Amino acid sequence: MVAQKDTVKILQLIDKAETFEQNQPEKALKIYAKTYNLSLKANYNKGIYKSLQYSGIIYANIGNYKLALDYYD
């Protein structure tokens, strides 16, 4: 079972990362890596999915299509 406080923290970090996607993609990727790990520990599938999906989008936006595809798989 996922604790609500864990999901709130994860979703807040995802929202924070979204603000950095365009101007500081590296920072956003670091935050998404953190939310991915927190989501794994909390067994929070939605957080895992969003962290991977948004990381893939960033890699595609910066032209690293190979890595983007890895995040979509």
Protein backbone atom coordinates (compact mmCIF):
# COMPACT_ATOMS: atom_id res chain seq x y z
CA MET A 1 0.00 0.00 0.00
CA VAL A 2 1.24 3.46 -0.88
CA ALA A 3 1.29 6.05 1.89
CA GLN A 4 -0.47 9.27 0.94
CA LYS A 5 2.37 11.44 2.27
CA ASP A 6 4.77 9.61 -0.07
CA THR A 7 2.58 10.19 -3.11
CA VAL A 8 2.10 13.85 -2.24
CA LYS A 9 5.87 14.35 -1.99
CA ILE A 10 6.45 12.52 -5.27
CA LEU A 11 3.78 14.51 -7.11
CA GLN A 12 5.16 17.78 -5.72
CA LEU A 13 8.63 16.88 -6.99
CA ILE A 14 7.21 15.97 -10.41
CA ASP A 15 5.48 19.35 -10.56
CA LYS A 16 8.76 21.04 -9.59
CA ALA A 17 10.67 19.15 -12.29
CA GLU A 18 8.15 20.22 -14.92
CA THR A 19 9.07 23.85 -14.28
CA PHE A 20 12.69 23.11 -15.29
CA GLU A 21 12.05 21.01 -18.39
CA GLN A 22 12.52 23.76 -20.99
CA ASN A 23 15.26 25.93 -19.48
CA GLN A 24 17.16 23.50 -17.25
CA PRO A 25 16.50 20.00 -18.58
CA GLU A 26 19.44 18.49 -16.69
CA LYS A 27 17.98 19.68 -13.40
CA ALA A 28 14.58 18.28 -14.34
CA LEU A 29 16.18 14.92 -15.17
CA LYS A 30 17.84 14.80 -11.75
CA ILE A 31 14.52 15.45 -10.06
CA TYR A 32 12.79 12.81 -12.19
CA ALA A 33 15.49 10.31 -11.22
CA LYS A 34 14.75 11.09 -7.59
CA THR A 35 10.98 10.73 -8.07
CA TYR A 36 11.56 7.44 -9.89
CA ASN A 37 13.57 6.04 -6.96
CA LEU A 38 11.08 7.33 -4.39
CA SER A 39 8.23 5.84 -6.40
CA LEU A 40 9.97 2.46 -6.53
CA LYS A 41 10.45 2.47 -2.76
CA ALA A 42 6.82 3.49 -2.23
CA ASN A 43 5.56 1.03 -4.85
CA TYR A 44 3.80 3.96 -6.51
CA ASN A 45 3.27 2.92 -10.12
CA LYS A 46 1.89 6.26 -11.29
CA GLY A 47 5.05 8.00 -10.06
CA ILE A 48 7.26 5.43 -11.74
CA TYR A 49 5.39 5.86 -15.01
CA LYS A 50 5.43 9.66 -14.94
CA SER A 51 9.11 9.84 -14.01
CA LEU A 52 10.10 7.60 -16.91
CA GLN A 53 7.71 9.19 -19.39
CA TYR A 54 8.75 12.76 -18.65
CA SER A 55 12.45 11.83 -18.68
CA GLY A 56 11.95 10.30 -22.12
CA ILE A 57 10.27 13.47 -23.34
CA ILE A 58 13.18 15.59 -22.12
CA TYR A 59 15.73 13.35 -23.83
CA ALA A 60 13.73 13.59 -27.06
CA ASN A 61 13.54 17.38 -26.74
CA ILE A 62 17.32 17.68 -26.35
CA GLY A 63 17.92 15.38 -29.31
CA ASN A 64 19.00 12.21 -27.51
CA TYR A 65 16.48 9.98 -29.27
CA LYS A 66 18.20 6.69 -28.41
CA LEU A 67 17.98 7.40 -24.69
CA ALA A 68 14.44 8.74 -25.11
CA LEU A 69 13.38 5.42 -26.59
CA ASP A 70 14.99 3.56 -23.69
CA TYR A 71 12.78 5.49 -21.30
CA TYR A 72 9.68 4.66 -23.31
CA ASP A 73 10.42 0.91 -23.32
